[in-house]
Amino acid sequence: MHRQRANMHRQRINMSRKILTVRQNKSTKYNIKNNSTPVGLGSYWGEVLDVLQEIIPVYDKVNSYISFGKDSEHRNRASNGKIQNGDKILDAGSGFGNMSKTALDVANGEVEIMLYDPLLAMIKNTDRLFKKKPEATCGVFEHVPFKDQQFDVVLSGYSLRDAISLNTAISEIHRVLKKGGKWIIVDLGKPDELIVRFGVSFYLRLILPIVAYAAGGRLGLKFAKLYGTYRLWPENKKLESKLLEKFTSVEFKKDLMGGAIMVAAYK
């Protein structure tokens, strides 16, 4: 039975990738050197997904190093005061479930969680974080397989940046949130000020690979792909504006000179 479910998950993800590749080929192809096309990874998504699959053994360790050890702090800052006992939570782009673990700690375990990630290998490796493994399913931001207004909270920790189409992802998350619900986002930020943005770009392109190698060896070097996702990511003000096209209000906090963001978007 377990093997059957695993095979079904693999088939579902393979089908999603085929469908999205066909759609992307029929429309515009995204160019990292010229990111004036609609925001999102587009056809670059497949490459990023392959890299994420490979770096699973060192993902958390390297992520902590390259964020100067602030990844956990940012998750806590984003979640504090925003998770209530009894909340039904979707962790979109959950990875191992770090955002969900933070939410559980904030609410003393009194929440219902659904892990949701395109990589089966990620959501299969959640045992170290949870005494009781949450429900989980595979899928992408652009095709969330849940009914309208089903969740009180959606979490996205270091994952929204990997959306194929940011506009579609925002619409889908808005759809599955209940009225008055909130979307908590933790991710890289893209500073609005040109000089600061140059500094963040310099770090991600040239310094990060060295830090990642020190933390994760050869696998850590694959984190260099992160720079491509950053290039296609909107500046902080533009991201806030995009969220406000769908959401009633947005709380936008920054750290590391705008290179890290903690966002709460309210429906």
C-alpha atoms as a PDB file:
ATOM      1  CA  MET A   1       0.000   0.000   0.000  1.00  0.00           C
ATOM      2  CA  HIS A   2       2.807   2.402   0.910  1.00  0.00           C
ATOM      3  CA  ARG A   3       4.604   1.617  -2.350  1.00  0.00           C
ATOM      4  CA  GLN A   4       1.380   2.196  -4.299  1.00  0.00           C
ATOM      5  CA  ARG A   5       0.917   5.612  -2.701  1.00  0.00           C
ATOM      6  CA  ALA A   6       4.518   6.544  -3.410  1.00  0.00           C
ATOM      7  CA  ASN A   7       4.100   5.565  -7.061  1.00  0.00           C
ATOM      8  CA  MET A   8       0.905   7.621  -7.291  1.00  0.00           C
ATOM      9  CA  HIS A   9       2.731  10.640  -5.873  1.00  0.00           C
ATOM     10  CA  ARG A  10       5.544  10.233  -8.410  1.00  0.00           C
ATOM     11  CA  GLN A  11       3.080   9.920 -11.274  1.00  0.00           C
ATOM     12  CA  ARG A  12       1.242  13.024 -10.106  1.00  0.00           C
ATOM     13  CA  ILE A  13       4.400  15.118  -9.987  1.00  0.00           C
ATOM     14  CA  ASN A  14       5.620  13.837 -13.354  1.00  0.00           C
ATOM     15  CA  MET A  15       2.257  14.711 -14.872  1.00  0.00           C
ATOM     16  CA  SER A  16       2.353  18.189 -13.311  1.00  0.00           C
ATOM     17  CA  ARG A  17       5.798  18.777 -14.760  1.00  0.00           C
ATOM     18  CA  LYS A  18       4.703  17.649 -18.230  1.00  0.00           C
ATOM     19  CA  ILE A  19       1.586  19.828 -18.192  1.00  0.00           C
ATOM     20  CA  LEU A  20       3.443  22.878 -16.958  1.00  0.00           C
ATOM     21  CA  THR A  21       6.268  22.378 -19.462  1.00  0.00           C
ATOM     22  CA  VAL A  22       3.779  22.194 -22.323  1.00  0.00           C
ATOM     23  CA  ARG A  23       1.984  25.319 -21.111  1.00  0.00           C
ATOM     24  CA  GLN A  24       5.248  27.174 -20.713  1.00  0.00           C
ATOM     25  CA  ASN A  25       6.484  26.181 -24.189  1.00  0.00           C
ATOM     26  CA  LYS A  26       3.224  27.410 -25.712  1.00  0.00           C
ATOM     27  CA  SER A  27       3.547  30.745 -24.002  1.00  0.00           C
ATOM     28  CA  THR A  28       6.623  32.830 -23.274  1.00  0.00           C
ATOM     29  CA  LYS A  29       9.973  31.353 -22.272  1.00  0.00           C
ATOM     30  CA  TYR A  30      11.593  32.996 -19.301  1.00  0.00           C
ATOM     31  CA  ASN A  31      15.095  34.378 -19.595  1.00  0.00           C
ATOM     32  CA  ILE A  32      17.104  34.885 -16.418  1.00  0.00           C
ATOM     33  CA  LYS A  33      19.210  37.551 -18.127  1.00  0.00           C
ATOM     34  CA  ASN A  34      16.087  39.528 -18.986  1.00  0.00           C
ATOM     35  CA  ASN A  35      13.427  39.075 -16.339  1.00  0.00           C
ATOM     36  CA  SER A  36      10.916  41.518 -17.808  1.00  0.00           C
ATOM     37  CA  THR A  37       8.570  38.587 -18.507  1.00  0.00           C
ATOM     38  CA  PRO A  38       5.805  37.639 -15.991  1.00  0.00           C
ATOM     39  CA  VAL A  39       7.208  36.972 -12.516  1.00  0.00           C
ATOM     40  CA  GLY A  40       7.985  33.367 -11.613  1.00  0.00           C
ATOM     41  CA  LEU A  41      10.489  30.687 -12.544  1.00  0.00           C
ATOM     42  CA  GLY A  42       8.656  29.591 -15.678  1.00  0.00           C
ATOM     43  CA  SER A  43      10.683  27.039 -17.643  1.00  0.00           C
ATOM     44  CA  TYR A  44      13.546  27.408 -15.132  1.00  0.00           C
ATOM     45  CA  TRP A  45      11.399  25.603 -12.544  1.00  0.00           C
ATOM     46  CA  GLY A  46      12.374  22.114 -13.716  1.00  0.00           C
ATOM     47  CA  GLU A  47      16.079  22.841 -13.239  1.00  0.00           C
ATOM     48  CA  VAL A  48      15.483  24.233  -9.760  1.00  0.00           C
ATOM     49  CA  LEU A  49      13.351  21.232  -8.789  1.00  0.00           C
ATOM     50  CA  ASP A  50      16.098  18.833  -9.890  1.00  0.00           C
ATOM     51  CA  VAL A  51      18.640  20.705  -7.770  1.00  0.00           C
ATOM     52  CA  LEU A  52      16.327  20.721  -4.733  1.00  0.00           C
ATOM     53  CA  GLN A  53      15.980  16.960  -5.099  1.00  0.00           C
ATOM     54  CA  GLU A  54      19.763  16.539  -5.071  1.00  0.00           C
ATOM     55  CA  ILE A  55      20.520  18.794  -2.095  1.00  0.00           C
ATOM     56  CA  ILE A  56      18.035  17.203   0.311  1.00  0.00           C
ATOM     57  CA  PRO A  57      20.812  15.629   2.477  1.00  0.00           C
ATOM     58  CA  VAL A  58      22.384  19.031   3.226  1.00  0.00           C
ATOM     59  CA  TYR A  59      19.433  21.384   2.706  1.00  0.00           C
ATOM     60  CA  ASP A  60      18.752  22.494   6.289  1.00  0.00           C
ATOM     61  CA  LYS A  61      22.409  22.798   7.280  1.00  0.00           C
ATOM     62  CA  VAL A  62      23.372  24.877   4.252  1.00  0.00           C
ATOM     63  CA  ASN A  63      20.225  27.016   4.496  1.00  0.00           C
ATOM     64  CA  SER A  64      21.160  27.917   8.054  1.00  0.00           C
ATOM     65  CA  TYR A  65      24.718  28.847   7.068  1.00  0.00           C
ATOM     66  CA  ILE A  66      23.798  30.997   4.071  1.00  0.00           C
ATOM     67  CA  SER A  67      21.150  32.881   6.087  1.00  0.00           C
ATOM     68  CA  PHE A  68      23.734  33.678   8.807  1.00  0.00           C
ATOM     69  CA  GLY A  69      21.877  31.352  11.173  1.00  0.00           C
ATOM     70  CA  LYS A  70      18.768  33.545  11.025  1.00  0.00           C
ATOM     71  CA  ASP A  71      16.395  31.184   9.214  1.00  0.00           C
ATOM     72  CA  SER A  72      14.792  29.948  12.456  1.00  0.00           C
ATOM     73  CA  GLU A  73      14.598  33.471  13.867  1.00  0.00           C
ATOM     74  CA  HIS A  74      12.807  34.691  10.749  1.00  0.00           C
ATOM     75  CA  ARG A  75      10.286  31.843  10.894  1.00  0.00           C
ATOM     76  CA  ASN A  76       9.544  32.679  14.520  1.00  0.00           C
ATOM     77  CA  ARG A  77       9.239  36.419  13.886  1.00  0.00           C
ATOM     78  CA  ALA A  78       6.843  35.791  11.026  1.00  0.00           C
ATOM     79  CA  SER A  79       4.654  33.351  12.986  1.00  0.00           C
ATOM     80  CA  ASN A  80       4.480  34.877  16.462  1.00  0.00           C
ATOM     81  CA  GLY A  81       1.014  36.223  17.243  1.00  0.00           C
ATOM     82  CA  LYS A  82      -0.439  34.939  13.995  1.00  0.00           C
ATOM     83  CA  ILE A  83      -1.146  31.268  14.769  1.00  0.00           C
ATOM     84  CA  GLN A  84      -4.186  30.436  16.905  1.00  0.00           C
ATOM     85  CA  ASN A  85      -5.180  27.199  18.606  1.00  0.00           C
ATOM     86  CA  GLY A  86      -7.424  25.193  16.306  1.00  0.00           C
ATOM     87  CA  ASP A  87      -6.143  26.767  13.083  1.00  0.00           C
ATOM     88  CA  LYS A  88      -6.240  24.623   9.971  1.00  0.00           C
ATOM     89  CA  ILE A  89      -2.900  25.226   8.257  1.00  0.00           C
ATOM     90  CA  LEU A  90      -1.545  24.542   4.785  1.00  0.00           C
ATOM     91  CA  ASP A  91       2.255  24.554   4.580  1.00  0.00           C
ATOM     92  CA  ALA A  92       2.714  25.359   0.881  1.00  0.00           C
ATOM     93  CA  GLY A  93       6.177  24.459  -0.332  1.00  0.00           C
ATOM     94  CA  SER A  94       6.700  22.786   3.024  1.00  0.00           C
ATOM     95  CA  GLY A  95       9.972  21.002   2.379  1.00  0.00           C
ATOM     96  CA  PHE A  96      10.745  19.121   5.583  1.00  0.00           C
ATOM     97  CA  GLY A  97       8.067  21.076   7.467  1.00  0.00           C
ATOM     98  CA  ASN A  98      10.167  23.674   9.295  1.00  0.00           C
ATOM     99  CA  MET A  99       7.458  26.346   9.073  1.00  0.00           C
ATOM    100  CA  SER A 100       4.864  23.871  10.350  1.00  0.00           C
ATOM    101  CA  LYS A 101       7.091  22.921  13.279  1.00  0.00           C
ATOM    102  CA  THR A 102       7.349  26.603  14.179  1.00  0.00           C
ATOM    103  CA  ALA A 103       3.548  26.950  13.986  1.00  0.00           C
ATOM    104  CA  LEU A 104       3.098  23.888  16.212  1.00  0.00           C
ATOM    105  CA  ASP A 105       5.451  25.357  18.801  1.00  0.00           C
ATOM    106  CA  VAL A 106       3.670  28.732  18.717  1.00  0.00           C
ATOM    107  CA  ALA A 107       0.256  27.080  19.219  1.00  0.00           C
ATOM    108  CA  ASN A 108       1.470  24.388  21.647  1.00  0.00           C
ATOM    109  CA  GLY A 109       0.536  21.688  19.163  1.00  0.00           C
ATOM    110  CA  GLU A 110      -3.124  22.712  18.919  1.00  0.00           C
ATOM    111  CA  VAL A 111      -3.310  23.110  15.128  1.00  0.00           C
ATOM    112  CA  GLU A 112      -4.147  20.909  12.144  1.00  0.00           C
ATOM    113  CA  ILE A 113      -1.417  20.820   9.493  1.00  0.00           C
ATOM    114  CA  MET A 114      -1.251  19.745   5.860  1.00  0.00           C
ATOM    115  CA  LEU A 115       2.232  19.578   4.324  1.00  0.00           C
ATOM    116  CA  TYR A 116       2.303  20.361   0.598  1.00  0.00           C
ATOM    117  CA  ASP A 117       5.402  20.190  -1.593  1.00  0.00           C
ATOM    118  CA  PRO A 118       6.292  19.185  -5.169  1.00  0.00           C
ATOM    119  CA  LEU A 119       8.993  16.803  -3.920  1.00  0.00           C
ATOM    120  CA  LEU A 120       7.890  13.540  -2.344  1.00  0.00           C
ATOM    121  CA  ALA A 121      11.414  13.026  -1.003  1.00  0.00           C
ATOM    122  CA  MET A 122      11.066  16.206   1.058  1.00  0.00           C
ATOM    123  CA  ILE A 123       7.790  15.358   2.753  1.00  0.00           C
ATOM    124  CA  LYS A 124       8.959  11.794   3.399  1.00  0.00           C
ATOM    125  CA  ASN A 125      11.820  13.163   5.520  1.00  0.00           C
ATOM    126  CA  THR A 126       9.824  14.936   8.217  1.00  0.00           C
ATOM    127  CA  ASP A 127      10.186  12.397  11.043  1.00  0.00           C
ATOM    128  CA  ARG A 128      12.924  14.300  12.873  1.00  0.00           C
ATOM    129  CA  LEU A 129      10.642  17.342  13.281  1.00  0.00           C
ATOM    130  CA  PHE A 130       7.344  15.753  14.302  1.00  0.00           C
ATOM    131  CA  LYS A 131       6.382  13.170  16.904  1.00  0.00           C
ATOM    132  CA  LYS A 132       3.185  12.593  14.952  1.00  0.00           C
ATOM    133  CA  LYS A 133       3.686  13.053  11.222  1.00  0.00           C
ATOM    134  CA  PRO A 134       1.193  15.537   9.690  1.00  0.00           C
ATOM    135  CA  GLU A 135      -0.880  14.747   6.628  1.00  0.00           C
ATOM    136  CA  ALA A 136       0.961  15.463   3.398  1.00  0.00           C
ATOM    137  CA  THR A 137       0.431  15.598  -0.342  1.00  0.00           C
ATOM    138  CA  CYS A 138       2.468  16.560  -3.401  1.00  0.00           C
ATOM    139  CA  GLY A 139       1.744  19.398  -5.799  1.00  0.00           C
ATOM    140  CA  VAL A 140       2.621  22.886  -7.002  1.00  0.00           C
ATOM    141  CA  PHE A 141       1.520  26.403  -6.046  1.00  0.00           C
ATOM    142  CA  GLU A 142      -0.298  26.876  -9.327  1.00  0.00           C
ATOM    143  CA  HIS A 143      -2.688  23.916  -8.910  1.00  0.00           C
ATOM    144  CA  VAL A 144      -3.544  23.609  -5.202  1.00  0.00           C
ATOM    145  CA  PRO A 145      -5.797  20.526  -4.860  1.00  0.00           C
ATOM    146  CA  PHE A 146      -8.063  21.863  -2.110  1.00  0.00           C
ATOM    147  CA  LYS A 147     -11.507  23.442  -1.978  1.00  0.00           C
ATOM    148  CA  ASP A 148     -12.130  27.169  -1.699  1.00  0.00           C
ATOM    149  CA  GLN A 149     -11.808  28.769   1.755  1.00  0.00           C
ATOM    150  CA  GLN A 150     -10.476  25.650   3.448  1.00  0.00           C
ATOM    151  CA  PHE A 151      -7.557  26.983   5.542  1.00  0.00           C
ATOM    152  CA  ASP A 152      -7.167  29.557   8.316  1.00  0.00           C
ATOM    153  CA  VAL A 153      -3.457  29.997   7.612  1.00  0.00           C
ATOM    154  CA  VAL A 154      -1.112  29.236   4.733  1.00  0.00           C
ATOM    155  CA  LEU A 155       2.631  29.082   5.408  1.00  0.00           C
ATOM    156  CA  SER A 156       5.367  29.468   2.787  1.00  0.00           C
ATOM    157  CA  GLY A 157       8.932  29.284   4.072  1.00  0.00           C
ATOM    158  CA  TYR A 158      11.635  29.889   1.462  1.00  0.00           C
ATOM    159  CA  SER A 159       9.363  28.418  -1.203  1.00  0.00           C
ATOM    160  CA  LEU A 160       7.217  31.097  -2.870  1.00  0.00           C
ATOM    161  CA  ARG A 161      10.283  32.315  -4.746  1.00  0.00           C
ATOM    162  CA  ASP A 162      10.255  28.948  -6.553  1.00  0.00           C
ATOM    163  CA  ALA A 163       6.726  29.359  -7.934  1.00  0.00           C
ATOM    164  CA  ILE A 164       6.382  28.797 -11.674  1.00  0.00           C
ATOM    165  CA  SER A 165       3.950  31.718 -11.962  1.00  0.00           C
ATOM    166  CA  LEU A 166       3.816  34.109  -9.022  1.00  0.00           C
ATOM    167  CA  ASN A 167       0.494  35.629 -10.095  1.00  0.00           C
ATOM    168  CA  THR A 168      -1.170  32.213 -10.322  1.00  0.00           C
ATOM    169  CA  ALA A 169       0.352  31.139  -7.011  1.00  0.00           C
ATOM    170  CA  ILE A 170      -1.024  34.228  -5.263  1.00  0.00           C
ATOM    171  CA  SER A 171      -4.488  33.617  -6.725  1.00  0.00           C
ATOM    172  CA  GLU A 172      -4.490  29.968  -5.655  1.00  0.00           C
ATOM    173  CA  ILE A 173      -3.399  30.674  -2.091  1.00  0.00           C
ATOM    174  CA  HIS A 174      -6.005  33.440  -1.826  1.00  0.00           C
ATOM    175  CA  ARG A 175      -8.651  30.984  -3.056  1.00  0.00           C
ATOM    176  CA  VAL A 176      -7.988  28.281  -0.445  1.00  0.00           C
ATOM    177  CA  LEU A 177      -7.795  30.725   2.478  1.00  0.00           C
ATOM    178  CA  LYS A 178     -10.890  31.362   4.566  1.00  0.00           C
ATOM    179  CA  LYS A 179     -12.216  34.902   4.813  1.00  0.00           C
ATOM    180  CA  GLY A 180     -10.026  36.660   7.352  1.00  0.00           C
ATOM    181  CA  GLY A 181      -7.291  34.073   6.849  1.00  0.00           C
ATOM    182  CA  LYS A 182      -3.622  34.920   6.537  1.00  0.00           C
ATOM    183  CA  TRP A 183      -0.669  33.899   4.405  1.00  0.00           C
ATOM    184  CA  ILE A 184       2.661  33.920   6.263  1.00  0.00           C
ATOM    185  CA  ILE A 185       5.682  34.144   3.964  1.00  0.00           C
ATOM    186  CA  VAL A 186       9.373  33.927   4.857  1.00  0.00           C
ATOM    187  CA  ASP A 187      11.832  34.247   1.989  1.00  0.00           C
ATOM    188  CA  LEU A 188      14.748  36.056   0.460  1.00  0.00           C
ATOM    189  CA  GLY A 189      14.071  39.719  -0.067  1.00  0.00           C
ATOM    190  CA  LYS A 190      15.104  41.779  -3.073  1.00  0.00           C
ATOM    191  CA  PRO A 191      15.914  45.265  -1.764  1.00  0.00           C
ATOM    192  CA  ASP A 192      14.331  48.219  -3.528  1.00  0.00           C
ATOM    193  CA  GLU A 193      17.461  50.380  -3.242  1.00  0.00           C
ATOM    194  CA  LEU A 194      19.843  49.742  -6.136  1.00  0.00           C
ATOM    195  CA  ILE A 195      23.066  49.807  -4.105  1.00  0.00           C
ATOM    196  CA  VAL A 196      21.720  47.443  -1.433  1.00  0.00           C
ATOM    197  CA  ARG A 197      20.280  45.164  -4.114  1.00  0.00           C
ATOM    198  CA  PHE A 198      23.715  45.022  -5.742  1.00  0.00           C
ATOM    199  CA  GLY A 199      25.213  43.971  -2.399  1.00  0.00           C
ATOM    200  CA  VAL A 200      22.691  41.154  -1.958  1.00  0.00           C
ATOM    201  CA  SER A 201      23.247  40.032  -5.558  1.00  0.00           C
ATOM    202  CA  PHE A 202      27.014  40.038  -5.019  1.00  0.00           C
ATOM    203  CA  TYR A 203      26.615  37.854  -1.929  1.00  0.00           C
ATOM    204  CA  LEU A 204      24.269  35.367  -3.603  1.00  0.00           C
ATOM    205  CA  ARG A 205      26.312  35.074  -6.771  1.00  0.00           C
ATOM    206  CA  LEU A 206      29.883  35.025  -5.446  1.00  0.00           C
ATOM    207  CA  ILE A 207      29.983  34.515  -1.667  1.00  0.00           C
ATOM    208  CA  LEU A 208      27.099  32.100  -1.142  1.00  0.00           C
ATOM    209  CA  PRO A 209      28.695  29.241  -3.158  1.00  0.00           C
ATOM    210  CA  ILE A 210      31.776  29.414  -0.915  1.00  0.00           C
ATOM    211  CA  VAL A 211      29.684  29.376   2.280  1.00  0.00           C
ATOM    212  CA  ALA A 212      27.489  26.580   0.901  1.00  0.00           C
ATOM    213  CA  TYR A 213      30.543  24.509   0.005  1.00  0.00           C
ATOM    214  CA  ALA A 214      31.951  24.958   3.510  1.00  0.00           C
ATOM    215  CA  ALA A 215      28.654  23.748   4.987  1.00  0.00           C
ATOM    216  CA  GLY A 216      27.665  21.006   2.556  1.00  0.00           C
ATOM    217  CA  GLY A 217      30.668  20.064   0.452  1.00  0.00           C
ATOM    218  CA  ARG A 218      30.108  19.432  -3.245  1.00  0.00           C
ATOM    219  CA  LEU A 219      26.347  19.193  -2.785  1.00  0.00           C
ATOM    220  CA  GLY A 220      26.433  22.628  -1.199  1.00  0.00           C
ATOM    221  CA  LEU A 221      27.793  24.088  -4.435  1.00  0.00           C
ATOM    222  CA  LYS A 222      24.457  23.313  -6.064  1.00  0.00           C
ATOM    223  CA  PHE A 223      22.932  26.089  -3.948  1.00  0.00           C
ATOM    224  CA  ALA A 224      24.410  28.450  -6.544  1.00  0.00           C
ATOM    225  CA  LYS A 225      21.190  27.808  -8.476  1.00  0.00           C
ATOM    226  CA  LEU A 226      19.570  30.026  -5.838  1.00  0.00           C
ATOM    227  CA  TYR A 227      20.911  33.087  -7.625  1.00  0.00           C
ATOM    228  CA  GLY A 228      18.764  32.336 -10.670  1.00  0.00           C
ATOM    229  CA  THR A 229      15.604  32.254  -8.553  1.00  0.00           C
ATOM    230  CA  TYR A 230      16.605  35.576  -6.986  1.00  0.00           C
ATOM    231  CA  ARG A 231      17.033  37.186 -10.416  1.00  0.00           C
ATOM    232  CA  LEU A 232      13.445  36.263 -11.289  1.00  0.00           C
ATOM    233  CA  TRP A 233      12.073  37.400  -7.899  1.00  0.00           C
ATOM    234  CA  PRO A 234      10.426  40.874  -7.731  1.00  0.00           C
ATOM    235  CA  GLU A 235      11.748  43.724  -5.617  1.00  0.00           C
ATOM    236  CA  ASN A 236      10.170  43.979  -2.171  1.00  0.00           C
ATOM    237  CA  LYS A 237       7.791  46.833  -3.044  1.00  0.00           C
ATOM    238  CA  LYS A 238       6.672  45.078  -6.217  1.00  0.00           C
ATOM    239  CA  LEU A 239       5.990  41.873  -4.285  1.00  0.00           C
ATOM    240  CA  GLU A 240       3.958  43.816  -1.729  1.00  0.00           C
ATOM    241  CA  SER A 241       1.978  45.448  -4.551  1.00  0.00           C
ATOM    242  CA  LYS A 242       1.275  42.069  -6.153  1.00  0.00           C
ATOM    243  CA  LEU A 243      -0.031  40.689  -2.873  1.00  0.00           C
ATOM    244  CA  LEU A 244      -2.254  43.749  -2.389  1.00  0.00           C
ATOM    245  CA  GLU A 245      -3.906  43.066  -5.741  1.00  0.00           C
ATOM    246  CA  LYS A 246      -5.588  40.078  -4.054  1.00  0.00           C
ATOM    247  CA  PHE A 247      -5.277  40.562  -0.302  1.00  0.00           C
ATOM    248  CA  THR A 248      -6.936  43.192   1.889  1.00  0.00           C
ATOM    249  CA  SER A 249      -3.779  44.163   3.771  1.00  0.00           C
ATOM    250  CA  VAL A 250      -0.127  43.157   3.910  1.00  0.00           C
ATOM    251  CA  GLU A 251       2.330  43.362   6.807  1.00  0.00           C
ATOM    252  CA  PHE A 252       5.862  43.485   5.384  1.00  0.00           C
ATOM    253  CA  LYS A 253       8.883  43.103   7.696  1.00  0.00           C
ATOM    254  CA  LYS A 254      12.515  43.091   6.561  1.00  0.00           C
ATOM    255  CA  ASP A 255      15.890  42.043   7.911  1.00  0.00           C
ATOM    256  CA  LEU A 256      19.462  41.959   6.597  1.00  0.00           C
ATOM    257  CA  MET A 257      18.962  45.304   4.817  1.00  0.00           C
ATOM    258  CA  GLY A 258      15.925  43.959   2.981  1.00  0.00           C
ATOM    259  CA  GLY A 259      17.630  40.727   1.943  1.00  0.00           C
ATOM    260  CA  ALA A 260      15.228  38.736   4.123  1.00  0.00           C
ATOM    261  CA  ILE A 261      11.465  39.266   4.355  1.00  0.00           C
ATOM    262  CA  MET A 262       8.715  38.183   6.737  1.00  0.00           C
ATOM    263  CA  VAL A 263       5.273  38.845   5.304  1.00  0.00           C
ATOM    264  CA  ALA A 264       1.695  38.405   6.496  1.00  0.00           C
ATOM    265  CA  ALA A 265      -0.988  38.875   3.831  1.00  0.00           C
ATOM    266  CA  TYR A 266      -4.563  39.064   5.153  1.00  0.00           C
ATOM    267  CA  LYS A 267      -7.596  38.012   3.099  1.00  0.00           C
END
